[in-house]
Amino acid sequence: MVPETLEAFKDTLVKATPSVDWSQALQSIWWAAKGNWNASHDIAQDLHTKMGSRIHAYLHRLEGDDWNAGYWYRQANVPFPKCSLEGELQKLIESVLEH
């Protein structure tokens, strides 16, 4: 079952893996929220959507690679965020849950 709220999403983070019934975008952002950059990136780099590009951008921003992150933000057609990484992650989660 797909979480309907940010809090419900956060409650799933105690599990070992995300639900296989979730979208790839939700699984990718779940791994990011768990702190598993590689698992999240493995999914995001194969998501050829604006959301996949947004998640990919966030991941490169998280690792400190602003040049690469900038490329992916441009692919997603969104400006480079001025908010904190935590704030951006929360916005990404909420955005993925809305779709």
C-alpha atoms as a PDB file:
ATOM      1  CA  MET A   1       0.000   0.000   0.000  1.00  0.00           C
ATOM      2  CA  VAL A   2       1.343   3.420  -0.965  1.00  0.00           C
ATOM      3  CA  PRO A   3       1.663   5.851   1.947  1.00  0.00           C
ATOM      4  CA  GLU A   4      -0.683   8.805   1.647  1.00  0.00           C
ATOM      5  CA  THR A   5       1.177  11.310   3.820  1.00  0.00           C
ATOM      6  CA  LEU A   6       4.729  12.306   4.641  1.00  0.00           C
ATOM      7  CA  GLU A   7       4.296  10.880   8.145  1.00  0.00           C
ATOM      8  CA  ALA A   8       2.993   7.558   6.791  1.00  0.00           C
ATOM      9  CA  PHE A   9       5.998   7.477   4.433  1.00  0.00           C
ATOM     10  CA  LYS A  10       8.388   8.111   7.325  1.00  0.00           C
ATOM     11  CA  ASP A  11       6.757   5.261   9.251  1.00  0.00           C
ATOM     12  CA  THR A  12       7.819   2.852   6.464  1.00  0.00           C
ATOM     13  CA  LEU A  13      11.487   3.681   6.953  1.00  0.00           C
ATOM     14  CA  VAL A  14      11.737   1.084   9.730  1.00  0.00           C
ATOM     15  CA  LYS A  15      11.393  -1.648   7.093  1.00  0.00           C
ATOM     16  CA  ALA A  16      14.369  -3.251   5.361  1.00  0.00           C
ATOM     17  CA  THR A  17      13.157  -2.510   1.836  1.00  0.00           C
ATOM     18  CA  PRO A  18      10.443  -0.468   0.140  1.00  0.00           C
ATOM     19  CA  SER A  19       7.324  -2.150  -1.196  1.00  0.00           C
ATOM     20  CA  VAL A  20       7.769  -3.647  -4.664  1.00  0.00           C
ATOM     21  CA  ASP A  21       4.254  -2.358  -5.419  1.00  0.00           C
ATOM     22  CA  TRP A  22       5.465   1.240  -5.220  1.00  0.00           C
ATOM     23  CA  SER A  23       6.513   3.268  -8.234  1.00  0.00           C
ATOM     24  CA  GLN A  24      10.206   3.341  -9.068  1.00  0.00           C
ATOM     25  CA  ALA A  25      10.306   7.033  -8.100  1.00  0.00           C
ATOM     26  CA  LEU A  26       8.872   6.287  -4.654  1.00  0.00           C
ATOM     27  CA  GLN A  27      11.278   3.387  -4.161  1.00  0.00           C
ATOM     28  CA  SER A  28      14.214   5.582  -5.175  1.00  0.00           C
ATOM     29  CA  ILE A  29      13.282   8.410  -2.821  1.00  0.00           C
ATOM     30  CA  TRP A  30      12.655   5.850  -0.057  1.00  0.00           C
ATOM     31  CA  TRP A  31      16.222   4.594  -0.401  1.00  0.00           C
ATOM     32  CA  ALA A  32      17.449   8.190  -0.326  1.00  0.00           C
ATOM     33  CA  ALA A  33      15.480   8.812   2.869  1.00  0.00           C
ATOM     34  CA  LYS A  34      17.066   5.668   4.347  1.00  0.00           C
ATOM     35  CA  GLY A  35      20.514   7.052   3.537  1.00  0.00           C
ATOM     36  CA  ASN A  36      21.328   4.470   0.867  1.00  0.00           C
ATOM     37  CA  TRP A  37      22.643   6.732  -1.909  1.00  0.00           C
ATOM     38  CA  ASN A  38      23.688   3.856  -4.190  1.00  0.00           C
ATOM     39  CA  ALA A  39      20.343   2.042  -4.116  1.00  0.00           C
ATOM     40  CA  SER A  40      18.502   5.312  -4.748  1.00  0.00           C
ATOM     41  CA  HIS A  41      20.849   6.309  -7.566  1.00  0.00           C
ATOM     42  CA  ASP A  42      20.623   2.888  -9.236  1.00  0.00           C
ATOM     43  CA  ILE A  43      16.876   3.421  -9.611  1.00  0.00           C
ATOM     44  CA  ALA A  44      16.900   7.163 -10.360  1.00  0.00           C
ATOM     45  CA  GLN A  45      19.427   6.932 -13.182  1.00  0.00           C
ATOM     46  CA  ASP A  46      17.071   4.592 -15.036  1.00  0.00           C
ATOM     47  CA  LEU A  47      13.994   6.794 -14.528  1.00  0.00           C
ATOM     48  CA  HIS A  48      13.715   8.782 -17.741  1.00  0.00           C
ATOM     49  CA  THR A  49      11.119  11.192 -16.372  1.00  0.00           C
ATOM     50  CA  LYS A  50      11.231  14.685 -14.904  1.00  0.00           C
ATOM     51  CA  MET A  51      10.801  13.180 -11.430  1.00  0.00           C
ATOM     52  CA  GLY A  52      13.639  10.750 -12.085  1.00  0.00           C
ATOM     53  CA  SER A  53      15.804  13.712 -13.071  1.00  0.00           C
ATOM     54  CA  ARG A  54      14.762  15.622  -9.929  1.00  0.00           C
ATOM     55  CA  ILE A  55      15.679  12.696  -7.700  1.00  0.00           C
ATOM     56  CA  HIS A  56      18.936  12.207  -9.615  1.00  0.00           C
ATOM     57  CA  ALA A  57      19.725  15.913  -9.147  1.00  0.00           C
ATOM     58  CA  TYR A  58      19.013  15.736  -5.428  1.00  0.00           C
ATOM     59  CA  LEU A  59      21.333  12.757  -5.056  1.00  0.00           C
ATOM     60  CA  HIS A  60      24.226  14.541  -6.768  1.00  0.00           C
ATOM     61  CA  ARG A  61      23.570  17.662  -4.692  1.00  0.00           C
ATOM     62  CA  LEU A  62      23.618  15.434  -1.594  1.00  0.00           C
ATOM     63  CA  GLU A  63      27.036  14.068  -2.536  1.00  0.00           C
ATOM     64  CA  GLY A  64      28.334  17.607  -3.124  1.00  0.00           C
ATOM     65  CA  ASP A  65      28.553  17.374  -6.928  1.00  0.00           C
ATOM     66  CA  ASP A  66      26.757  20.642  -7.738  1.00  0.00           C
ATOM     67  CA  TRP A  67      27.885  20.613 -11.369  1.00  0.00           C
ATOM     68  CA  ASN A  68      26.303  17.217 -12.024  1.00  0.00           C
ATOM     69  CA  ALA A  69      23.270  18.140  -9.904  1.00  0.00           C
ATOM     70  CA  GLY A  70      22.821  21.283 -11.993  1.00  0.00           C
ATOM     71  CA  TYR A  71      22.685  19.224 -15.164  1.00  0.00           C
ATOM     72  CA  TRP A  72      19.924  17.024 -13.721  1.00  0.00           C
ATOM     73  CA  TYR A  73      17.942  19.999 -12.381  1.00  0.00           C
ATOM     74  CA  ARG A  74      18.013  21.426 -15.907  1.00  0.00           C
ATOM     75  CA  GLN A  75      16.783  18.070 -17.270  1.00  0.00           C
ATOM     76  CA  ALA A  76      13.931  18.216 -14.756  1.00  0.00           C
ATOM     77  CA  ASN A  77      13.274  21.846 -15.712  1.00  0.00           C
ATOM     78  CA  VAL A  78      13.516  23.065 -12.114  1.00  0.00           C
ATOM     79  CA  PRO A  79      15.890  25.641 -10.630  1.00  0.00           C
ATOM     80  CA  PHE A  80      18.737  24.629  -8.354  1.00  0.00           C
ATOM     81  CA  PRO A  81      17.121  24.633  -4.885  1.00  0.00           C
ATOM     82  CA  LYS A  82      18.004  27.190  -2.258  1.00  0.00           C
ATOM     83  CA  CYS A  83      16.483  25.146   0.572  1.00  0.00           C
ATOM     84  CA  SER A  84      18.337  22.682   2.771  1.00  0.00           C
ATOM     85  CA  LEU A  85      18.893  19.113   1.619  1.00  0.00           C
ATOM     86  CA  GLU A  86      16.412  17.991   4.280  1.00  0.00           C
ATOM     87  CA  GLY A  87      13.835  20.459   2.964  1.00  0.00           C
ATOM     88  CA  GLU A  88      14.397  19.303  -0.589  1.00  0.00           C
ATOM     89  CA  LEU A  89      14.017  15.648   0.397  1.00  0.00           C
ATOM     90  CA  GLN A  90      10.734  16.426   2.124  1.00  0.00           C
ATOM     91  CA  LYS A  91       9.455  18.273  -0.963  1.00  0.00           C
ATOM     92  CA  LEU A  92      10.487  15.369  -3.191  1.00  0.00           C
ATOM     93  CA  ILE A  93       8.715  12.843  -0.980  1.00  0.00           C
ATOM     94  CA  GLU A  94       5.552  14.949  -0.941  1.00  0.00           C
ATOM     95  CA  SER A  95       5.699  15.429  -4.690  1.00  0.00           C
ATOM     96  CA  VAL A  96       6.144  11.706  -5.386  1.00  0.00           C
ATOM     97  CA  LEU A  97       3.296  10.865  -3.006  1.00  0.00           C
ATOM     98  CA  GLU A  98       0.996  13.294  -4.845  1.00  0.00           C
ATOM     99  CA  HIS A  99       1.511  11.440  -8.110  1.00  0.00           C
END
